[in-house]
Amino acid sequence: MAENEIRLEGYRQLIEIARDLASTLDLDTLLTHIIHAAADITGAEAASILLYDDAARQLHFQVATNLDEPTMRGLVVPLEGSLAGWVVSNRKPVCIDNVHEDPRYFQTVDQVSQLNTVSLLGVPLITKDKIVGVLEAINKRVGEFTEADVDLLQVLGAQAAVAIENTRLFQQSDLIAEFVHELRTPLASIGTSTYLLLRPEMSQEQREQMIHNIHGETLRLNTLASSFLDLARLESGRVQFHLERFALRPLVEECRQIMQGKADEAHVTFRLEIPEDFPEVQADRDKLKQVVLNLVSNAIKYNVPDGCVTVSAALSPADWTLAVSDTGLGIPEKSMPHMFEKFYRVRATESKVPGTGLGLSICKQIVSGHGGSIEVASKVGHGTTFTIHIPRKAE
């Protein structure tokens, strides 16, 4: 097929792709569409997107095809000493037949991804004179990247940059609006308490109660702000996952020790059902610990006196699972589809049990960052079980 015909066929594909990009407002879904389209129209073995953080002056991998995403996601690529950095700094495409002969190539990518990169085509993602990131096509399947490939990827890059920025703005405005809404309740409580403290007729006992209220709401605001920042970083893809092999049981033991005081206060027992010889798993240990602590904390808070929290694990050829079960209040069926939504609280218990409504959203982001999934099963009056599944493909 002549180059002009290839270019024409590519433009036809781009028209179809543009419709998908315009109708997608979920960032991860959008980026996945873009990289698969990039690999398809250029005939490449793989494709990736690196997003640019202007404040930190850093590039980081957000999504890639045919690469180990849990390892790659969030990987920082320097502006100096990388082809992607050169694309950002110069705002021009780069087309290399053999990257190993180019001193700008960032070798760490090959080491982490275990993909032998030979040829590479990268174009800047620019919208309204703002650099959003870099779109790369890796390893031309047949022959070398051509001028037609460069033109097509640049057109896709221009469409992608607009779509990415629109999606980011939508998500940010949505998240900020929810956050501000959640701030109103503790701020109103603090405002009322300080107003009452200024009134001369308040007794010493009442003043002490108001001070306790202010202290509690301040702690709540601090937790809310920390959780919000955690979630924002995870959703933006700027958190890098550091995979390592470790024993699962000692990690859960650590979580039990941390939560034992709260369990004792609530008269809840803790049962650990992970064999001593359970095989080592591969994951980001610190982030997995954050997930386990969150799930165990919820299992204690939403339990009943003399209830029990059980943490168990299982192994299959495809993945390993960790389950946190409680014998508590359970979740109404109508609430089940909303459990991982930001700021969602079960109406029947939100006034009785303190929380931000962000913990499960953070858990889902961390598990998804490992390429895994999290699910919930519950029955009102009988308890709840949260189960995470992490694929073993990285091992």
Protein backbone atom coordinates (compact mmCIF):
# COMPACT_ATOMS: atom_id res chain seq x y z
CA MET A 1 0.00 0.00 0.00
CA ALA A 2 1.39 3.43 -0.98
CA GLU A 3 2.26 5.90 1.78
CA ASN A 4 -0.55 8.28 0.76
CA GLU A 5 -3.07 5.43 0.98
CA ILE A 6 -1.72 4.46 4.39
CA ARG A 7 -2.03 8.07 5.53
CA LEU A 8 -5.59 8.31 4.18
CA GLU A 9 -6.63 5.09 5.92
CA GLY A 10 -5.05 6.41 9.12
CA TYR A 11 -7.07 9.62 8.90
CA ARG A 12 -10.25 7.58 8.52
CA GLN A 13 -9.33 5.75 11.71
CA LEU A 14 -8.65 9.04 13.47
CA ILE A 15 -12.15 10.30 12.68
CA GLU A 16 -13.58 7.21 14.39
CA ILE A 17 -11.18 7.60 17.32
CA ALA A 18 -12.12 11.26 17.78
CA ARG A 19 -15.70 10.25 18.56
CA ASP A 20 -14.55 7.90 21.32
CA LEU A 21 -12.23 10.51 22.83
CA ALA A 22 -14.94 13.17 22.88
CA SER A 23 -17.38 10.91 24.71
CA THR A 24 -15.06 9.64 27.48
CA LEU A 25 -14.68 11.52 30.78
CA ASP A 26 -12.86 8.84 32.80
CA LEU A 27 -9.11 9.56 32.58
CA ASP A 28 -7.85 5.96 32.72
CA THR A 29 -10.40 4.81 30.11
CA LEU A 30 -9.51 7.76 27.89
CA LEU A 31 -5.76 7.12 28.07
CA THR A 32 -6.28 3.43 27.33
CA HIS A 33 -8.25 4.37 24.18
CA ILE A 34 -5.44 6.70 23.11
CA ILE A 35 -2.54 4.25 23.49
CA HIS A 36 -4.33 1.42 21.72
CA ALA A 37 -5.21 3.82 18.90
CA ALA A 38 -1.56 5.00 18.75
CA ALA A 39 -0.23 1.45 18.45
CA ASP A 40 -2.88 0.60 15.86
CA ILE A 41 -2.43 3.55 13.47
CA THR A 42 1.38 3.39 13.55
CA GLY A 43 1.69 -0.40 13.39
CA ALA A 44 3.66 -0.42 16.64
CA GLU A 45 4.22 -3.23 19.12
CA ALA A 46 3.35 -0.99 22.08
CA ALA A 47 2.46 2.57 23.02
CA SER A 48 2.57 4.66 26.17
CA ILE A 49 1.59 8.02 27.60
CA LEU A 50 3.76 10.03 29.97
CA LEU A 51 2.05 12.96 31.68
CA TYR A 52 3.94 16.14 32.53
CA ASP A 53 3.81 17.76 35.97
CA ASP A 54 4.69 21.39 35.35
CA ALA A 55 5.04 22.27 39.05
CA ALA A 56 7.54 19.45 39.72
CA ARG A 57 9.01 19.63 36.19
CA GLN A 58 8.72 15.84 35.93
CA LEU A 59 7.36 13.29 33.50
CA HIS A 60 5.72 10.14 34.80
CA PHE A 61 4.29 7.06 33.09
CA GLN A 62 0.52 6.95 33.34
CA VAL A 63 -0.50 4.09 31.07
CA ALA A 64 1.11 1.73 28.55
CA THR A 65 0.24 -1.25 26.36
CA ASN A 66 2.15 -4.52 26.59
CA LEU A 67 3.94 -3.29 29.66
CA ASP A 68 3.67 -4.26 33.32
CA GLU A 69 1.41 -1.38 34.35
CA PRO A 70 1.71 -1.78 38.15
CA THR A 71 5.48 -1.39 37.78
CA MET A 72 5.36 1.35 35.16
CA ARG A 73 2.57 3.53 36.50
CA GLY A 74 4.01 6.62 38.16
CA LEU A 75 7.59 5.84 37.07
CA VAL A 76 9.38 9.20 36.93
CA VAL A 77 11.30 9.96 33.73
CA PRO A 78 13.77 12.88 33.91
CA LEU A 79 13.54 15.82 31.51
CA GLU A 80 17.30 15.68 31.06
CA GLY A 81 18.59 12.40 29.69
CA SER A 82 15.42 11.01 28.15
CA LEU A 83 13.79 11.10 24.72
CA ALA A 84 10.43 11.97 26.27
CA GLY A 85 12.09 14.83 28.15
CA TRP A 86 13.58 16.09 24.89
CA VAL A 87 10.10 16.03 23.30
CA VAL A 88 8.70 18.09 26.19
CA SER A 89 11.58 20.59 26.24
CA ASN A 90 11.60 21.11 22.47
CA ARG A 91 7.88 20.55 21.80
CA LYS A 92 8.80 18.57 18.71
CA PRO A 93 8.32 14.93 17.67
CA VAL A 94 11.21 12.48 17.80
CA CYS A 95 11.65 9.43 15.58
CA ILE A 96 14.48 7.00 16.35
CA ASP A 97 15.26 3.76 14.49
CA ASN A 98 17.55 2.43 17.25
CA VAL A 99 17.21 4.03 20.66
CA HIS A 100 20.31 2.29 22.02
CA GLU A 101 22.44 4.40 19.70
CA ASP A 102 20.90 7.62 21.02
CA PRO A 103 22.47 9.11 24.19
CA ARG A 104 19.11 10.66 25.16
CA TYR A 105 17.48 7.27 25.71
CA PHE A 106 16.46 6.56 29.33
CA GLN A 107 17.65 2.97 29.90
CA THR A 108 15.67 2.47 33.13
CA VAL A 109 12.46 2.06 31.13
CA ASP A 110 13.71 -1.14 29.50
CA GLN A 111 14.94 -2.47 32.84
CA VAL A 112 11.60 -1.88 34.58
CA SER A 113 9.30 -2.87 31.72
CA GLN A 114 11.35 -5.85 30.52
CA LEU A 115 10.47 -4.78 26.98
CA ASN A 116 13.37 -4.47 24.56
CA THR A 117 12.77 -1.10 22.93
CA VAL A 118 14.41 -0.65 19.53
CA SER A 119 12.52 1.97 17.55
CA LEU A 120 10.52 4.81 19.07
CA LEU A 121 8.26 7.57 17.83
CA GLY A 122 7.22 10.24 20.32
CA VAL A 123 5.07 13.35 19.91
CA PRO A 124 4.24 16.12 22.37
CA LEU A 125 0.71 16.46 23.76
CA ILE A 126 -0.01 20.19 23.58
CA THR A 127 -3.24 22.13 24.05
CA LYS A 128 -3.63 25.92 24.30
CA ASP A 129 0.17 26.21 24.29
CA LYS A 130 0.32 24.01 27.41
CA ILE A 131 2.36 20.80 27.38
CA VAL A 132 0.30 17.93 28.78
CA GLY A 133 2.69 15.04 28.18
CA VAL A 134 4.16 12.73 25.56
CA LEU A 135 2.57 10.02 23.41
CA GLU A 136 4.97 7.27 22.34
CA ALA A 137 4.73 4.43 19.84
CA ILE A 138 7.33 1.71 20.45
CA ASN A 139 8.86 -0.85 18.08
CA LYS A 140 7.47 -0.65 14.54
CA ARG A 141 6.28 -4.16 13.67
CA VAL A 142 7.29 -3.99 10.01
CA GLY A 143 10.11 -1.77 8.75
CA GLU A 144 10.73 1.65 10.30
CA PHE A 145 8.49 4.51 11.38
CA THR A 146 7.66 6.76 8.42
CA GLU A 147 6.66 10.38 7.86
CA ALA A 148 3.07 9.15 7.57
CA ASP A 149 3.36 7.61 11.06
CA VAL A 150 4.70 10.89 12.43
CA ASP A 151 1.82 12.88 10.86
CA LEU A 152 -0.84 10.47 12.11
CA LEU A 153 0.55 10.33 15.64
CA GLN A 154 0.76 14.14 15.77
CA VAL A 155 -2.89 14.45 14.75
CA LEU A 156 -3.86 11.85 17.37
CA GLY A 157 -1.68 13.66 19.90
CA ALA A 158 -3.46 16.96 19.25
CA GLN A 159 -6.86 15.30 19.74
CA ALA A 160 -5.61 13.44 22.81
CA ALA A 161 -4.19 16.55 24.50
CA VAL A 162 -7.55 18.35 24.30
CA ALA A 163 -9.43 15.29 25.53
CA ILE A 164 -7.00 14.73 28.44
CA GLU A 165 -7.17 18.35 29.57
CA ASN A 166 -10.98 18.42 29.35
CA THR A 167 -11.23 15.18 31.34
CA ARG A 168 -8.79 16.44 33.97
CA LEU A 169 -10.72 19.69 34.38
CA PHE A 170 -13.98 17.77 34.68
CA GLN A 171 -12.57 15.40 37.30
CA GLN A 172 -10.85 18.16 39.25
CA SER A 173 -13.93 20.39 39.35
CA ASP A 174 -16.08 17.41 40.34
CA LEU A 175 -13.68 16.29 43.09
CA ILE A 176 -13.12 19.82 44.42
CA ALA A 177 -16.88 20.50 44.47
CA GLU A 178 -17.42 17.33 46.52
CA PHE A 179 -14.52 18.20 48.83
CA VAL A 180 -15.81 21.74 49.48
CA HIS A 181 -19.26 20.32 50.17
CA GLU A 182 -17.77 17.93 52.74
CA LEU A 183 -15.85 20.78 54.40
CA ARG A 184 -19.02 22.70 55.18
CA THR A 185 -20.25 20.44 58.00
CA PRO A 186 -17.11 20.48 60.22
CA LEU A 187 -16.53 24.17 59.49
CA ALA A 188 -20.11 24.99 60.46
CA SER A 189 -19.69 23.02 63.69
CA ILE A 190 -16.44 24.85 64.53
CA GLY A 191 -18.05 28.19 63.71
CA THR A 192 -21.02 27.50 66.00
CA SER A 193 -18.76 26.30 68.82
CA THR A 194 -16.52 29.38 68.69
CA TYR A 195 -19.58 31.67 68.62
CA LEU A 196 -20.97 29.99 71.73
CA LEU A 197 -17.61 30.19 73.51
CA LEU A 198 -17.76 33.97 73.20
CA ARG A 199 -21.09 34.20 75.02
CA PRO A 200 -20.68 35.17 78.70
CA GLU A 201 -23.53 32.99 79.99
CA MET A 202 -21.74 29.75 79.01
CA SER A 203 -20.78 27.62 82.02
CA GLN A 204 -17.31 26.12 82.41
CA GLU A 205 -18.72 22.66 81.68
CA GLN A 206 -20.36 23.90 78.47
CA ARG A 207 -17.14 25.65 77.41
CA GLU A 208 -15.17 22.44 77.87
CA GLN A 209 -17.73 20.60 75.75
CA MET A 210 -17.38 23.22 73.00
CA ILE A 211 -13.58 22.88 73.10
CA HIS A 212 -13.90 19.10 72.73
CA ASN A 213 -16.20 19.65 69.74
CA ILE A 214 -13.69 22.00 68.10
CA HIS A 215 -10.84 19.54 68.71
CA GLY A 216 -12.84 16.64 67.22
CA GLU A 217 -13.88 18.60 64.14
CA THR A 218 -10.30 19.82 63.63
CA LEU A 219 -9.06 16.22 63.65
CA ARG A 220 -11.83 15.33 61.20
CA LEU A 221 -10.78 18.17 58.87
CA ASN A 222 -7.15 17.03 59.03
CA THR A 223 -8.12 13.43 58.18
CA LEU A 224 -10.37 14.63 55.37
CA ALA A 225 -7.61 16.80 53.86
CA SER A 226 -5.01 13.99 54.07
CA SER A 227 -7.39 11.46 52.50
CA PHE A 228 -8.35 13.92 49.78
CA LEU A 229 -4.70 14.51 48.86
CA ASP A 230 -4.02 10.75 48.84
CA LEU A 231 -6.93 10.18 46.48
CA ALA A 232 -6.03 13.13 44.22
CA ARG A 233 -2.46 11.84 43.84
CA LEU A 234 -3.67 8.30 43.08
CA GLU A 235 -6.25 9.48 40.53
CA SER A 236 -3.69 11.69 38.78
CA GLY A 237 -1.32 8.73 38.35
CA ARG A 238 1.53 10.55 40.09
CA VAL A 239 1.99 7.79 42.67
CA GLN A 240 4.63 5.22 41.73
CA PHE A 241 4.14 1.61 42.79
CA HIS A 242 7.30 -0.07 44.12
CA LEU A 243 6.86 -3.82 43.78
CA GLU A 244 8.71 -6.16 46.13
CA ARG A 245 8.34 -9.73 47.37
CA PHE A 246 7.32 -10.14 51.00
CA ALA A 247 5.47 -12.45 53.39
CA LEU A 248 1.81 -11.52 53.75
CA ARG A 249 1.14 -12.79 57.28
CA PRO A 250 3.70 -10.49 59.04
CA LEU A 251 2.17 -7.47 57.25
CA VAL A 252 -1.29 -8.36 58.55
CA GLU A 253 0.22 -8.96 62.01
CA GLU A 254 1.58 -5.39 61.92
CA CYS A 255 -1.89 -4.10 61.04
CA ARG A 256 -3.41 -6.10 63.89
CA GLN A 257 -0.96 -4.58 66.40
CA ILE A 258 -1.77 -1.07 65.17
CA MET A 259 -5.54 -1.63 65.39
CA GLN A 260 -5.57 -3.75 68.58
CA GLY A 261 -6.34 -0.77 70.84
CA LYS A 262 -9.43 0.18 68.82
CA ALA A 263 -10.53 -3.45 68.68
CA ASP A 264 -10.25 -3.75 72.49
CA GLU A 265 -12.24 -0.54 73.00
CA ALA A 266 -15.00 -1.90 70.74
CA HIS A 267 -14.85 -5.37 72.36
CA VAL A 268 -14.04 -6.93 68.99
CA THR A 269 -11.76 -9.96 68.59
CA PHE A 270 -9.29 -10.34 65.72
CA ARG A 271 -8.81 -13.65 63.92
CA LEU A 272 -5.92 -14.23 61.51
CA GLU A 273 -6.40 -17.12 59.07
CA ILE A 274 -3.26 -16.93 56.95
CA PRO A 275 -0.97 -20.00 57.12
CA GLU A 276 2.58 -19.45 58.35
CA ASP A 277 3.88 -21.00 55.12
CA PHE A 278 1.70 -18.86 52.80
CA PRO A 279 3.91 -18.08 49.75
CA GLU A 280 5.44 -14.64 49.40
CA VAL A 281 3.43 -12.17 47.33
CA GLN A 282 4.58 -9.35 45.08
CA ALA A 283 3.09 -5.89 45.59
CA ASP A 284 3.83 -2.43 46.94
CA ARG A 285 4.05 -3.33 50.63
CA ASP A 286 3.38 0.14 52.05
CA LYS A 287 0.33 0.72 49.86
CA LEU A 288 -1.06 -2.75 50.56
CA LYS A 289 -0.61 -2.06 54.28
CA GLN A 290 -2.67 1.13 53.81
CA VAL A 291 -5.46 -0.95 52.23
CA VAL A 292 -5.43 -3.59 54.99
CA LEU A 293 -5.44 -0.94 57.75
CA ASN A 294 -8.40 0.80 56.14
CA LEU A 295 -10.42 -2.39 55.73
CA VAL A 296 -9.64 -3.62 59.25
CA SER A 297 -10.48 -0.20 60.71
CA ASN A 298 -13.87 -0.28 58.96
CA ALA A 299 -14.47 -3.85 60.10
CA ILE A 300 -13.95 -2.76 63.72
CA LYS A 301 -15.96 0.48 63.47
CA TYR A 302 -18.99 -1.14 61.84
CA ASN A 303 -18.96 -4.25 64.04
CA VAL A 304 -21.07 -5.08 67.08
CA PRO A 305 -19.91 -5.61 70.70
CA ASP A 306 -18.30 -9.06 71.11
CA GLY A 307 -18.04 -9.25 67.33
CA CYS A 308 -15.13 -10.60 65.30
CA VAL A 309 -12.86 -9.46 62.47
CA THR A 310 -11.27 -12.18 60.32
CA VAL A 311 -8.45 -11.67 57.82
CA SER A 312 -7.79 -14.57 55.47
CA ALA A 313 -5.83 -15.19 52.27
CA ALA A 314 -5.96 -17.64 49.37
CA LEU A 315 -3.89 -18.44 46.32
CA SER A 316 -4.84 -19.45 42.77
CA PRO A 317 -2.78 -19.84 39.58
CA ALA A 318 -4.01 -16.42 38.36
CA ASP A 319 -4.03 -14.32 41.51
CA TRP A 320 -3.87 -14.14 45.29
CA THR A 321 -6.67 -12.81 47.45
CA LEU A 322 -6.95 -11.16 50.84
CA ALA A 323 -10.34 -11.00 52.57
CA VAL A 324 -11.37 -8.91 55.58
CA SER A 325 -14.65 -10.07 57.14
CA ASP A 326 -16.67 -8.76 60.07
CA THR A 327 -19.73 -9.88 62.01
CA GLY A 328 -21.18 -6.40 62.12
CA LEU A 329 -24.12 -4.34 60.95
CA GLY A 330 -23.92 -5.24 57.26
CA ILE A 331 -24.64 -2.99 54.28
CA PRO A 332 -28.13 -2.43 52.82
CA GLU A 333 -28.50 -3.83 49.32
CA LYS A 334 -29.31 -0.41 47.83
CA SER A 335 -25.99 0.96 49.14
CA MET A 336 -23.82 -1.82 47.71
CA PRO A 337 -23.26 -0.29 44.22
CA HIS A 338 -22.04 2.97 45.80
CA MET A 339 -19.52 1.65 48.33
CA PHE A 340 -16.42 2.71 46.37
CA GLU A 341 -17.73 6.14 45.35
CA LYS A 342 -15.96 9.19 46.74
CA PHE A 343 -17.47 10.62 49.95
CA TYR A 344 -20.23 8.00 50.00
CA ARG A 345 -21.49 7.06 53.48
CA VAL A 346 -24.22 4.54 54.28
CA ARG A 347 -27.06 6.75 55.50
CA ALA A 348 -28.12 4.41 58.33
CA THR A 349 -24.71 4.57 60.04
CA GLU A 350 -23.04 7.84 58.93
CA SER A 351 -24.26 9.75 62.02
CA LYS A 352 -23.06 6.99 64.39
CA VAL A 353 -19.67 6.13 62.91
CA PRO A 354 -17.09 8.83 62.06
CA GLY A 355 -15.45 8.75 58.64
CA THR A 356 -14.58 10.71 55.49
CA GLY A 357 -16.16 8.48 52.86
CA LEU A 358 -12.82 8.37 51.02
CA GLY A 359 -11.14 5.27 52.48
CA LEU A 360 -12.71 2.71 50.15
CA SER A 361 -12.08 4.96 47.11
CA ILE A 362 -8.40 5.07 48.07
CA CYS A 363 -8.35 1.27 48.53
CA LYS A 364 -9.86 0.79 45.08
CA GLN A 365 -7.29 3.10 43.47
CA ILE A 366 -4.39 1.27 45.14
CA VAL A 367 -5.69 -2.17 44.19
CA SER A 368 -6.40 -1.00 40.63
CA GLY A 369 -2.84 0.36 40.48
CA HIS A 370 -1.68 -3.23 41.05
CA GLY A 371 -3.87 -4.40 38.16
CA GLY A 372 -6.24 -5.98 40.65
CA SER A 373 -9.83 -5.61 41.82
CA ILE A 374 -11.76 -5.23 45.08
CA GLU A 375 -15.26 -6.50 45.78
CA VAL A 376 -17.74 -6.45 48.65
CA ALA A 377 -20.31 -8.98 49.88
CA SER A 378 -22.67 -8.20 52.73
CA LYS A 379 -25.90 -9.10 54.49
CA VAL A 380 -27.65 -6.74 56.88
CA GLY A 381 -27.33 -7.98 60.45
CA HIS A 382 -24.77 -10.65 59.55
CA GLY A 383 -21.65 -8.75 58.47
CA THR A 384 -19.52 -7.74 55.51
CA THR A 385 -16.54 -9.12 53.60
CA PHE A 386 -14.19 -7.06 51.43
CA THR A 387 -11.95 -9.13 49.13
CA ILE A 388 -9.01 -7.87 47.10
CA HIS A 389 -7.60 -9.80 44.13
CA ILE A 390 -4.02 -9.13 42.96
CA PRO A 391 -2.80 -10.85 39.76
CA ARG A 392 0.33 -12.98 39.98
CA LYS A 393 1.51 -12.14 36.45
CA ALA A 394 4.21 -9.82 37.80
CA GLU A 395 5.78 -12.76 39.66
